[in-house]
Amino acid sequence: MSSRRLRILVVDHVTKVMGGAEVNLVELLGHCDVRERWETQVACRGDSPLDKALVPLGCQRHDYGFGASLNELRIVGRGFSPMAKFRGWQEMQRARVRLREIIDAVQPEIVLSCTNKDHFVAGAAAQSTEVRSVWWVNDLLTRDFFSWPIRGLFAIKARSLARRLAPVSDCGKAALIREGVPAKRIVTIHNGIPLEKYKRDEGRPLRSELGVMDGEPLFGILGRLTPWKGQDRFLELAEAWKAAGLPGRFAIIGRAFNEEAHFETALRAYVRDRRLERLVHFVPFQSNVAAVLSSLDVLVHMSVKPEPFGRVLIEAMAVGTPVLASRGGGVPEIVTEGLDGELAEPGAVPEYLAKLRKMSAPGSLAAYAQNTRATVKKKFSLDRVVGDFSNLFSALR
């Protein structure tokens, strides 16, 4: 293998909020082996959260993105008018022209795109060149999230434009195959995290902040407040826990985005109307995720739709916090029941209650916690992710 660094152009249009895909990307590009193996430049929106996060890494960035008509056109779980489609198509063409200019200037060997809109633009921009288009698929291409026209369009574009697709779970791979994407073009690359970033904080600061007594368990759900993440079911679980006369507190950690502020309002009303204020705490997003997760006795994951992966689960496990998670999507590829956590059917509050009682039995949490970090170290390290992508790129050279 040549010692020359592989020239890669990463494409991600995010403008307002860094999601899991962007967090994974920044951590990947910050890995020491990546800087040694790849010469990486990034096409992203100037002054975006992603652009700012890349500054300390020294990556060269190129201004790229979409206008408001396409940025506001969310294709996940929504329909849209013919006029919106037309304006979106126009923006897509402008972005393709701009990205082609960047490709001509950078002369990459690989273009790695990170979102569905970016896949379409990057694939089209690279089509008439020798550049290989690789799609890092961070979504789950199922009817839970996408209408059949979008799924069909994705499959058509993938077959004609993508040299390889890298879904973040085998569940994601299976969904692509069901839509007609050739299996030989798909390579699963499970997400990973930098273990050194997720060291357990024995001070467990959130407990002190919330006034949780020593010996009193604290259970939490962490993430964007949105109906499919199941925070409403989490409140039902808290209420059932209280009705059973069991000790403990429950924390909802995160916030709703603007279009779903009504959901957060409804959650708070539920707590107020049922007089659960002492039992349930609302906590905004915290910058020190490891410290927050270290404060929990169990991370509860209650998504009612299948997750493409479930990054928060490996973050919790990395600091030694067991997880109780929905049995769906890519989650069973992370959690081994009875070893490092437990699984329950999505939305099944009585099953969650029984599993949480099991996990909270004397001595049980310590037994789960002994295995969580070992699981992450073995299967979900960032070192492994770098190796997987390096192998994928080498196969295309």
Foldseek 3Di string as FASTA:
>chain_A
DDQDAAEEEEEDEDAEDDDPLLVLVLQLLQDPVNVRRHLYAYEYAPPGPSNVSCVVSVHHYDHAHFDPLQVVDDQWPDDDDPVSVVNNVVRLVVRLVVVLVVCVVRVGQEYEYREQSRLLSVLVSCQVDNHAYEYADQAALDPNIHDPVVLLVSLVSCQRRHQAYEFQFVNSLVRSVVSPRDSVRYDYQHAFEALVLQAADPVLVVCVVLVPDPPFAEEEEEDEQDVQQPVVLVVVLLVVCVVVVHGHAYEYEAYYDPVCNVSVVVSVVVCVVVVVVSRYYYHHHDPSLNSNLSNHQEYETQGLAAGSACVVQLSSLSHLHAYEYEPHHNDVVQDDDPAQYHYDHHSPSVVVNVRVVVCPPPPNSNRNSVRSNVSSVVRHHSVSSSVSVVVVVVVSD
